[in-house]
Every structure is written in structure tokens, then in C-alpha cells.
Amino acid sequence: MREVVSPLRRYATPRYPTAGEIGEADLSRVPERWKGLRTIVSTIGAVALGLKTLALGGEACGAPASAPTESVPDAKKPQRESPRPVTDVCPLPPASLAGDGEGSFGCVAMNPPVILSEDAALAIIEREFRRRGVTLADAQELDGVEAPLGERERKRENPNLVARLVRARRAPLEEPLKKRTWIFDFGTRDGSMRIEYISVSDAGRWLKDPWEGSTVWTYRTRDAAEAAVQGFGKRTEGNHVDVGVFYDPIAYVPKQENEERSGRKIAERQLVAQIEWFFRHLSKRHAPDAPSH
């Protein structure tokens, strides 16, 4: 008698077997004529066990299953800090604290400002650093900073500078910067720190001001120092170094105290304030709980 094959009206959605189902040899699906053959039945069981072993990653063979793990930060274990930038240039302090670094000289200057000599300013810097336990050495180099071109390079690459200055009239014109090795005024011998002082004579290297008249000169040491901060901060390779940029405050004496001696005291006090600002910046950056940058 021939069996009649009828189509199924309903059937379950096909799916992959679970790991538990793989490990069970379902002999109910084995044809009746195979059940008496022990070899085939045992083979089916072995295959099922092998599939379960693969699914569980070796657990069926006695090896511990590798469960997915999640990394949980350990509060007691020091966390790995993000890499610090190789050049940490201290931003300039507020002008109200350190001086606006701007002054004019000439026939219209009724109350001329007091300018520190470069030697006096450098002596103040050395003294204040020594008071804080830091010994500075002269003329320390640093590679990879962006700084003004040398005199010959400037004339060769910018021959029309004077004409541009005359056309600019009232807007300051920054000198072009170039990646180079710069010789700083001071630095530590271990290479961890570099110090630059912007005097009125140095300001012309970083910032060219338009001429306002044949008998009037304007100096902007703070603007030049800001240009130096930006240029030094573009160094991206090499060992880490802390950089401090100071500038001549170009102090004005109050009219009721129009004495050179008082003006010098104001200028010195404002320069010392710049140095104190630098060391406060370092203490914040190197504090144990300071955020990484």
C-alpha cells in the first residue's frame, strides 16, 4: 500500500537550534529503519555533541566557557592619562595685572611711559625664578617652534614690507612666522622649561606697527608677546617643555606721581606679576588632580 503524501497546512518558522537543543540527539527524527543500527545512532549523538562543543566554545569538553567581559574602571588603580601636548605655553595674564605693554614716544607724548632696560628685566626674571628654586641658563634653544624670519630671510621673502606698512596705516601687521629653531633668553639645562622676554626692541621682530608719523613711535610689547605665545604653542614634536613669555609692561606713571622712580617700581611690579602668573599656571597644570589635556 502506497503512502499518500499531503502538504502541510501549517508549519513552524524555520530557525537555528539553540545550544541546548544541539546537545540532545533527537532520535525521534531518525527513520524507523535506522533505529536498530547502533552505529548510526551513536554517530548522530557524536555529531550533536561536537556541534554543541563548537557553540559553547569548548565547555562540553570540560574547558571553561569564555563569557563576554566588560571592562570596569578600578578606582584604586591609577587611570591612564591622555598624552600631554609637547609644548605648554602659559597664556598671558590680564593686562590689568601685568600691564598693557603699549606706549608711544615722540612730540605728542605728554606723559612718556617708563621702559625697563632689557638687562634689568632679565635680572628680575632670574631673581624671581631663583627664589622659587629654579636656576636658569642663558640662550637655550628649542626646535620646531614658529617664530619670525631672520633679517635676511625677511627681506628676501617680504621685499614689499615697507610699502605694505604704509598702506596699512592703522592696523598692526604681524611678521610672517616660520617653523625653526629659536634661541630663548633663558631655560633650564634639563630642557623642561624655556623663557622668552619681549622687550621694546624685540617687539619689532614679532609685530610691525604702521608708522603714524615721522616723529612718533608706538611700541606694542603685549601684542608681540601674544604672537610669541601662539607661535611657540604650535610646536608638536619632541620632549615636553613648559614655556613662559614675559613682556615689558611699558608702565605709565600717574600724573600726580610723575617721577621716574615711581614708574620703574610700577614696571617692576607688573613684570613680577607676570612671573607669578606663570608659576600659578604650572602649579595648576601639574597638580595631582589636574585634568589631563
Protein backbone atom coordinates (compact mmCIF):
# COMPACT_ATOMS: atom_id res chain seq x y z
CA MET A 1 0.00 0.00 0.00
CA ARG A 2 1.44 3.33 -1.02
CA GLU A 3 1.54 6.16 1.47
CA VAL A 4 -0.27 9.32 0.48
CA VAL A 5 1.83 12.45 0.88
CA SER A 6 -0.25 15.51 1.77
CA PRO A 7 1.06 19.08 2.00
CA LEU A 8 1.18 20.64 5.44
CA ARG A 9 -1.36 23.35 6.09
CA ARG A 10 0.75 24.98 8.81
CA TYR A 11 4.38 24.71 9.73
CA ALA A 12 6.70 26.41 12.19
CA THR A 13 9.00 29.23 11.13
CA PRO A 14 12.48 27.83 10.34
CA ARG A 15 15.14 28.73 12.93
CA TYR A 16 18.57 27.71 14.09
CA PRO A 17 18.63 25.28 17.03
CA THR A 18 19.77 26.55 20.41
CA ALA A 19 22.93 25.28 22.08
CA GLY A 20 20.84 23.13 24.41
CA GLU A 21 18.93 21.59 21.52
CA ILE A 22 22.13 20.82 19.67
CA GLY A 23 23.39 18.71 22.57
CA GLU A 24 20.30 16.48 22.54
CA ALA A 25 20.28 13.75 19.90
CA ASP A 26 16.63 13.82 18.78
CA LEU A 27 16.18 10.17 17.73
CA SER A 28 12.51 10.74 17.03
CA ARG A 29 13.56 12.26 13.73
CA VAL A 30 15.62 9.21 12.76
CA PRO A 31 13.86 6.93 10.26
CA GLU A 32 12.40 3.76 11.79
CA ARG A 33 14.66 1.52 9.78
CA TRP A 34 17.77 3.30 11.20
CA LYS A 35 16.91 2.95 14.88
CA GLY A 36 18.10 -0.61 15.03
CA LEU A 37 21.53 0.38 13.76
CA ARG A 38 23.58 1.34 16.80
CA THR A 39 26.45 2.71 14.74
CA ILE A 40 24.31 5.31 13.02
CA VAL A 41 22.58 6.34 16.24
CA SER A 42 25.87 6.78 18.05
CA THR A 43 27.26 8.78 15.12
CA ILE A 44 24.31 11.14 15.28
CA GLY A 45 24.90 11.63 19.02
CA ALA A 46 28.60 12.30 18.47
CA VAL A 47 27.87 14.89 15.78
CA ALA A 48 25.36 16.60 18.06
CA LEU A 49 27.90 16.71 20.86
CA GLY A 50 30.53 18.12 18.53
CA LEU A 51 28.21 20.89 17.39
CA LYS A 52 27.42 21.78 20.98
CA THR A 53 31.15 21.92 21.76
CA LEU A 54 31.68 24.45 18.98
CA ALA A 55 28.68 26.50 20.07
CA LEU A 56 29.81 26.71 23.69
CA GLY A 57 33.48 27.28 22.94
CA GLY A 58 34.75 24.01 24.44
CA GLU A 59 32.55 23.84 27.54
CA ALA A 60 31.24 20.41 26.57
CA CYS A 61 34.80 19.09 26.60
CA GLY A 62 35.48 20.37 30.09
CA ALA A 63 37.09 23.68 29.06
CA PRO A 64 35.65 26.75 30.77
CA ALA A 65 33.40 28.81 28.55
CA SER A 66 34.68 32.31 27.79
CA ALA A 67 31.89 34.61 28.84
CA PRO A 68 31.91 38.16 27.47
CA THR A 69 33.58 40.53 29.90
CA GLU A 70 33.09 44.24 30.41
CA SER A 71 35.94 46.48 31.46
CA VAL A 72 35.07 48.20 34.72
CA PRO A 73 37.36 51.02 35.90
CA ASP A 74 39.14 50.27 39.15
CA ALA A 75 39.04 53.29 41.44
CA LYS A 76 42.19 52.13 43.25
CA LYS A 77 44.16 51.59 40.05
CA PRO A 78 45.63 54.79 38.55
CA GLN A 79 43.95 55.58 35.29
CA ARG A 80 45.97 56.03 32.15
CA GLU A 81 46.25 59.73 31.34
CA SER A 82 45.79 61.20 27.90
CA PRO A 83 49.07 62.28 26.31
CA ARG A 84 50.01 65.84 27.20
CA PRO A 85 50.83 68.34 24.46
CA VAL A 86 54.56 68.60 23.93
CA THR A 87 54.55 72.38 24.41
CA ASP A 88 52.67 74.02 27.27
CA VAL A 89 52.82 77.78 26.72
CA CYS A 90 51.41 79.81 29.59
CA PRO A 91 48.74 82.27 28.39
CA LEU A 92 49.35 85.93 29.13
CA PRO A 93 47.89 87.33 32.33
CA PRO A 94 45.24 90.07 32.21
CA ALA A 95 46.58 93.46 31.16
CA SER A 96 45.13 94.98 34.31
CA LEU A 97 47.55 92.83 36.29
CA ALA A 98 50.60 92.76 34.05
CA GLY A 99 50.39 96.00 32.07
CA ASP A 100 49.04 96.63 28.59
CA GLY A 101 52.52 96.80 27.08
CA GLU A 102 51.77 99.74 24.84
CA GLY A 103 53.38 103.14 24.67
CA SER A 104 54.15 105.98 22.28
CA PHE A 105 57.13 108.24 22.07
CA GLY A 106 57.52 111.46 20.19
CA CYS A 107 56.48 115.06 20.07
CA VAL A 108 52.86 114.35 21.08
CA ALA A 109 53.71 112.16 24.09
CA MET A 110 52.89 114.41 27.04
CA ASN A 111 53.41 111.67 29.62
CA PRO A 112 56.03 109.28 28.22
CA PRO A 113 55.96 105.73 29.60
CA VAL A 114 58.70 104.05 31.58
CA ILE A 115 60.54 101.27 29.76
CA LEU A 116 62.63 98.68 31.54
CA SER A 117 66.08 98.09 30.16
CA GLU A 118 66.44 94.54 28.89
CA ASP A 119 69.30 93.81 31.28
CA ALA A 120 67.23 94.95 34.26
CA ALA A 121 64.22 92.89 33.16
CA LEU A 122 66.29 89.74 32.66
CA ALA A 123 67.89 90.23 36.08
CA ILE A 124 64.42 90.42 37.66
CA ILE A 125 63.38 87.20 35.89
CA GLU A 126 66.50 85.35 37.07
CA ARG A 127 65.99 86.59 40.62
CA GLU A 128 62.33 85.59 40.81
CA PHE A 129 63.00 82.13 39.40
CA ARG A 130 65.89 81.59 41.79
CA ARG A 131 63.60 82.49 44.68
CA ARG A 132 61.37 79.60 43.59
CA GLY A 133 64.24 77.15 43.31
CA VAL A 134 64.67 77.27 39.52
CA THR A 135 68.11 78.01 38.09
CA LEU A 136 68.06 79.45 34.59
CA ALA A 137 70.75 79.21 31.95
CA ASP A 138 71.25 81.68 29.11
CA ALA A 139 70.47 81.16 25.43
CA GLN A 140 68.61 77.84 25.42
CA GLU A 141 67.38 76.51 22.06
CA LEU A 142 64.13 74.81 21.15
CA ASP A 143 63.33 73.16 17.82
CA GLY A 144 60.04 73.14 15.95
CA VAL A 145 58.53 76.44 17.07
CA GLU A 146 57.05 79.04 14.74
CA ALA A 147 58.97 82.28 15.03
CA PRO A 148 59.81 85.33 12.90
CA LEU A 149 62.18 85.10 9.99
CA GLY A 150 65.73 86.31 10.30
CA GLU A 151 66.69 89.70 8.87
CA ARG A 152 67.95 88.29 5.58
CA GLU A 153 65.04 85.87 5.22
CA ARG A 154 62.57 88.66 5.92
CA LYS A 155 64.00 90.91 3.22
CA ARG A 156 64.17 88.03 0.74
CA GLU A 157 60.63 86.70 1.34
CA ASN A 158 58.89 90.01 2.01
CA PRO A 159 60.60 92.74 -0.04
CA ASN A 160 57.48 94.96 -0.10
CA LEU A 161 57.09 95.14 3.70
CA VAL A 162 57.61 98.91 3.91
CA ALA A 163 55.04 99.61 1.21
CA ARG A 164 52.53 97.35 2.95
CA LEU A 165 53.13 99.14 6.23
CA VAL A 166 52.42 102.50 4.66
CA ARG A 167 49.19 101.20 3.11
CA ALA A 168 48.08 99.51 6.35
CA ARG A 169 48.38 102.75 8.32
CA ARG A 170 46.43 101.90 11.46
CA ALA A 171 46.27 98.08 11.68
CA PRO A 172 49.25 96.20 13.17
CA LEU A 173 50.97 93.91 10.69
CA GLU A 174 52.36 90.66 12.06
CA GLU A 175 55.64 89.37 10.75
CA PRO A 176 55.46 86.04 8.89
CA LEU A 177 56.36 83.09 11.10
CA LYS A 178 58.36 80.05 10.07
CA LYS A 179 58.99 76.70 11.72
CA ARG A 180 62.52 76.93 13.04
CA THR A 181 64.91 76.63 15.96
CA TRP A 182 64.55 79.54 18.36
CA ILE A 183 67.11 80.67 20.91
CA PHE A 184 65.25 81.66 24.09
CA ASP A 185 66.55 84.17 26.60
CA PHE A 186 66.57 81.55 29.35
CA GLY A 187 65.83 77.92 30.01
CA THR A 188 66.63 75.06 32.33
CA ARG A 189 69.51 72.81 31.33
CA ASP A 190 67.35 69.69 31.58
CA GLY A 191 65.19 71.06 28.75
CA SER A 192 61.96 71.15 30.74
CA MET A 193 61.46 74.92 30.60
CA ARG A 194 62.06 77.84 28.22
CA ILE A 195 61.63 81.55 28.96
CA GLU A 196 61.32 84.42 26.47
CA TYR A 197 61.25 88.12 27.33
CA ILE A 198 59.81 90.59 24.81
CA SER A 199 61.48 93.96 25.13
CA VAL A 200 60.58 97.04 23.09
CA SER A 201 63.39 96.15 20.68
CA ASP A 202 62.14 92.56 20.40
CA ALA A 203 58.59 93.70 19.64
CA GLY A 204 59.64 94.75 16.15
CA ARG A 205 60.62 91.16 15.33
CA TRP A 206 57.16 89.78 16.11
CA LEU A 207 54.92 92.69 15.19
CA LYS A 208 55.38 95.52 12.76
CA ASP A 209 53.34 98.61 13.52
CA PRO A 210 52.44 101.13 10.84
CA TRP A 211 54.07 104.48 11.06
CA GLU A 212 51.73 107.08 12.47
CA GLY A 213 54.05 109.98 11.79
CA SER A 214 57.66 110.79 11.22
CA THR A 215 58.29 111.81 14.85
CA VAL A 216 56.05 109.33 16.74
CA TRP A 217 56.89 105.72 17.55
CA THR A 218 54.45 103.21 19.05
CA TYR A 219 55.52 100.01 20.77
CA ARG A 220 53.19 97.09 21.50
CA THR A 221 55.11 94.52 23.52
CA ARG A 222 51.97 92.72 24.76
CA ASP A 223 50.72 92.17 21.20
CA ALA A 224 54.17 90.85 20.28
CA ALA A 225 54.14 88.55 23.31
CA GLU A 226 50.74 87.21 22.26
CA ALA A 227 52.17 86.42 18.82
CA ALA A 228 55.07 84.61 20.50
CA VAL A 229 52.67 82.56 22.65
CA GLN A 230 50.81 81.46 19.52
CA GLY A 231 53.99 80.65 17.60
CA PHE A 232 55.67 78.69 20.39
CA GLY A 233 52.46 76.77 21.06
CA LYS A 234 52.48 75.30 17.53
CA ARG A 235 55.39 73.01 18.37
CA THR A 236 54.03 69.45 18.16
CA GLU A 237 57.10 67.17 18.26
CA GLY A 238 59.81 66.41 20.77
CA ASN A 239 60.01 66.26 24.55
CA HIS A 240 57.53 68.12 26.72
CA VAL A 241 58.54 71.65 27.66
CA ASP A 242 56.90 74.46 29.65
CA VAL A 243 57.24 77.90 28.05
CA GLY A 244 56.83 81.28 29.71
CA VAL A 245 56.59 84.50 27.70
CA PHE A 246 57.04 87.82 29.54
CA TYR A 247 56.99 91.34 28.16
CA ASP A 248 57.88 94.90 29.05
CA PRO A 249 54.78 96.35 30.77
CA ILE A 250 55.60 99.86 29.45
CA ALA A 251 54.28 101.44 32.60
CA TYR A 252 52.76 104.88 32.80
CA VAL A 253 53.22 106.92 35.94
CA PRO A 254 50.10 108.59 37.36
CA LYS A 255 50.27 112.33 36.67
CA GLN A 256 50.26 113.17 40.35
CA GLU A 257 53.34 110.96 40.78
CA ASN A 258 55.21 111.88 37.67
CA GLU A 259 58.60 110.59 38.80
CA GLU A 260 60.91 108.14 37.02
CA ARG A 261 61.49 106.27 40.26
CA SER A 262 57.78 105.54 40.75
CA GLY A 263 57.41 104.47 37.13
CA ARG A 264 60.17 101.92 37.47
CA LYS A 265 58.54 100.46 40.56
CA ILE A 266 55.27 100.05 38.68
CA ALA A 267 57.01 98.36 35.75
CA GLU A 268 58.94 96.00 38.02
CA ARG A 269 55.81 95.12 39.98
CA GLN A 270 53.92 94.30 36.78
CA LEU A 271 56.77 92.13 35.47
CA VAL A 272 56.88 90.21 38.76
CA ALA A 273 53.10 89.72 38.45
CA GLN A 274 53.68 88.07 35.06
CA ILE A 275 56.19 85.66 36.61
CA GLU A 276 53.83 84.81 39.47
CA TRP A 277 51.09 84.13 36.92
CA PHE A 278 53.40 81.69 35.14
CA PHE A 279 54.16 79.73 38.30
CA ARG A 280 50.49 79.60 39.24
CA HIS A 281 49.79 78.17 35.81
CA LEU A 282 52.44 75.49 36.33
CA SER A 283 51.08 74.56 39.76
CA LYS A 284 47.60 74.07 38.31
CA ARG A 285 48.82 72.03 35.36
CA HIS A 286 51.00 69.74 37.47
CA ALA A 287 48.60 69.30 40.38
CA PRO A 288 47.76 65.61 41.11
CA ASP A 289 44.07 66.16 40.43
CA ALA A 290 44.54 68.41 37.42
CA PRO A 291 42.60 67.28 34.33
CA SER A 292 44.67 65.81 31.53
CA HIS A 293 44.87 67.80 28.32
